[in-house]
Amino acid sequence: MNLGLNGKVALVLASSRGLGQAMAVSLAREGVKVAVTGRNPAGLQKS
């Protein structure tokens, strides 16, 4: 799905698991440069 976000930048909070992680991954697949934060470093590596 093309949302027209290619080249944009996003900050996703609480992205080490759950909805935040899913959002970070989805945005990255759309070509967005994503900065992630969270309490679980291992989970952030997956994001």
N, C-alpha and C. Protein backbone atom coordinates (compact mmCIF):
# COMPACT_ATOMS: atom_id res chain seq x y z
N MET A 1 0.85 -1.17 0.00
CA MET A 1 0.00 0.00 0.00
C MET A 1 0.89 1.23 0.00
N ASN A 2 0.67 2.15 -0.91
CA ASN A 2 1.48 3.36 -1.01
C ASN A 2 0.74 4.51 -0.35
N LEU A 3 1.27 4.97 0.78
CA LEU A 3 0.65 6.07 1.51
C LEU A 3 1.29 7.41 1.19
N GLY A 4 2.27 7.44 0.30
CA GLY A 4 2.94 8.68 -0.05
C GLY A 4 3.87 9.19 1.04
N LEU A 5 4.42 8.28 1.84
CA LEU A 5 5.27 8.67 2.96
C LEU A 5 6.75 8.46 2.68
N ASN A 6 7.10 8.01 1.51
CA ASN A 6 8.49 7.72 1.17
C ASN A 6 9.36 8.96 1.39
N GLY A 7 10.45 8.79 2.15
CA GLY A 7 11.37 9.88 2.42
C GLY A 7 11.02 10.72 3.63
N LYS A 8 9.90 10.46 4.26
CA LYS A 8 9.51 11.20 5.46
C LYS A 8 10.24 10.62 6.67
N VAL A 9 10.18 11.31 7.80
CA VAL A 9 10.81 10.87 9.04
C VAL A 9 9.75 10.74 10.12
N ALA A 10 9.82 9.65 10.91
CA ALA A 10 8.85 9.43 11.99
C ALA A 10 9.57 9.01 13.26
N LEU A 11 9.05 9.46 14.39
CA LEU A 11 9.50 9.02 15.70
C LEU A 11 8.38 8.17 16.29
N VAL A 12 8.68 6.91 16.58
CA VAL A 12 7.68 6.00 17.13
C VAL A 12 8.08 5.67 18.57
N LEU A 13 7.24 6.07 19.51
CA LEU A 13 7.49 5.82 20.92
C LEU A 13 6.95 4.45 21.31
N ALA A 14 7.54 3.85 22.33
CA ALA A 14 7.11 2.53 22.83
C ALA A 14 7.10 1.50 21.72
N SER A 15 8.18 1.45 20.95
CA SER A 15 8.20 0.60 19.76
C SER A 15 8.98 -0.70 19.95
N SER A 16 9.22 -1.11 21.19
CA SER A 16 9.95 -2.36 21.41
C SER A 16 9.04 -3.58 21.32
N ARG A 17 7.71 -3.36 21.33
CA ARG A 17 6.78 -4.49 21.17
C ARG A 17 5.38 -3.96 20.87
N GLY A 18 4.49 -4.85 20.54
CA GLY A 18 3.08 -4.51 20.36
C GLY A 18 2.80 -3.56 19.21
N LEU A 19 1.85 -2.67 19.44
CA LEU A 19 1.41 -1.74 18.40
C LEU A 19 2.52 -0.80 17.94
N GLY A 20 3.34 -0.34 18.87
CA GLY A 20 4.43 0.55 18.51
C GLY A 20 5.41 -0.12 17.56
N GLN A 21 5.74 -1.37 17.84
CA GLN A 21 6.65 -2.11 16.97
C GLN A 21 6.03 -2.35 15.60
N ALA A 22 4.76 -2.71 15.58
CA ALA A 22 4.07 -2.93 14.31
C ALA A 22 4.03 -1.65 13.48
N MET A 23 3.80 -0.52 14.14
CA MET A 23 3.76 0.75 13.44
C MET A 23 5.13 1.10 12.87
N ALA A 24 6.19 0.90 13.65
CA ALA A 24 7.54 1.20 13.19
C ALA A 24 7.91 0.36 11.97
N VAL A 25 7.60 -0.91 12.02
CA VAL A 25 7.90 -1.81 10.91
C VAL A 25 7.09 -1.42 9.67
N SER A 26 5.82 -1.13 9.84
CA SER A 26 4.96 -0.75 8.71
C SER A 26 5.44 0.54 8.06
N LEU A 27 5.80 1.52 8.87
CA LEU A 27 6.30 2.78 8.33
C LEU A 27 7.61 2.57 7.57
N ALA A 28 8.50 1.76 8.13
CA ALA A 28 9.76 1.49 7.45
C ALA A 28 9.53 0.82 6.10
N ARG A 29 8.56 -0.06 6.03
CA ARG A 29 8.24 -0.72 4.75
C ARG A 29 7.70 0.27 3.72
N GLU A 30 7.14 1.37 4.19
CA GLU A 30 6.63 2.42 3.30
C GLU A 30 7.72 3.39 2.86
N GLY A 31 8.95 3.18 3.35
CA GLY A 31 10.06 4.03 2.96
C GLY A 31 10.31 5.19 3.90
N VAL A 32 9.70 5.15 5.08
CA VAL A 32 9.88 6.19 6.09
C VAL A 32 11.15 5.90 6.88
N LYS A 33 11.91 6.94 7.19
CA LYS A 33 13.06 6.81 8.09
C LYS A 33 12.49 6.87 9.50
N VAL A 34 12.66 5.78 10.26
CA VAL A 34 12.00 5.65 11.55
C VAL A 34 13.02 5.68 12.69
N ALA A 35 12.77 6.53 13.68
CA ALA A 35 13.52 6.53 14.93
C ALA A 35 12.63 5.87 15.98
N VAL A 36 13.19 4.92 16.72
CA VAL A 36 12.39 4.16 17.68
C VAL A 36 12.90 4.36 19.10
N THR A 37 11.99 4.28 20.06
CA THR A 37 12.34 4.33 21.48
C THR A 37 11.54 3.26 22.21
N GLY A 38 12.07 2.81 23.33
CA GLY A 38 11.37 1.83 24.13
C GLY A 38 12.22 1.37 25.29
N ARG A 39 11.63 0.58 26.17
CA ARG A 39 12.33 0.11 27.38
C ARG A 39 13.09 -1.18 27.17
N ASN A 40 12.80 -1.92 26.11
CA ASN A 40 13.40 -3.23 25.88
C ASN A 40 14.37 -3.16 24.70
N PRO A 41 15.69 -3.09 24.94
CA PRO A 41 16.66 -2.98 23.85
C PRO A 41 16.58 -4.13 22.84
N ALA A 42 16.32 -5.34 23.32
CA ALA A 42 16.21 -6.48 22.40
C ALA A 42 15.03 -6.31 21.46
N GLY A 43 13.92 -5.81 21.98
CA GLY A 43 12.75 -5.57 21.15
C GLY A 43 12.98 -4.47 20.13
N LEU A 44 13.77 -3.47 20.51
CA LEU A 44 14.07 -2.38 19.58
C LEU A 44 14.91 -2.87 18.41
N GLN A 45 15.77 -3.86 18.65
CA GLN A 45 16.56 -4.42 17.56
C GLN A 45 15.66 -5.06 16.51
N LYS A 46 14.56 -5.66 16.94
CA LYS A 46 13.61 -6.27 16.00
C LYS A 46 12.86 -5.21 15.21
N SER A 47 12.65 -4.06 15.83
CA SER A 47 11.93 -2.97 15.16
C SER A 47 12.83 -2.35 14.12
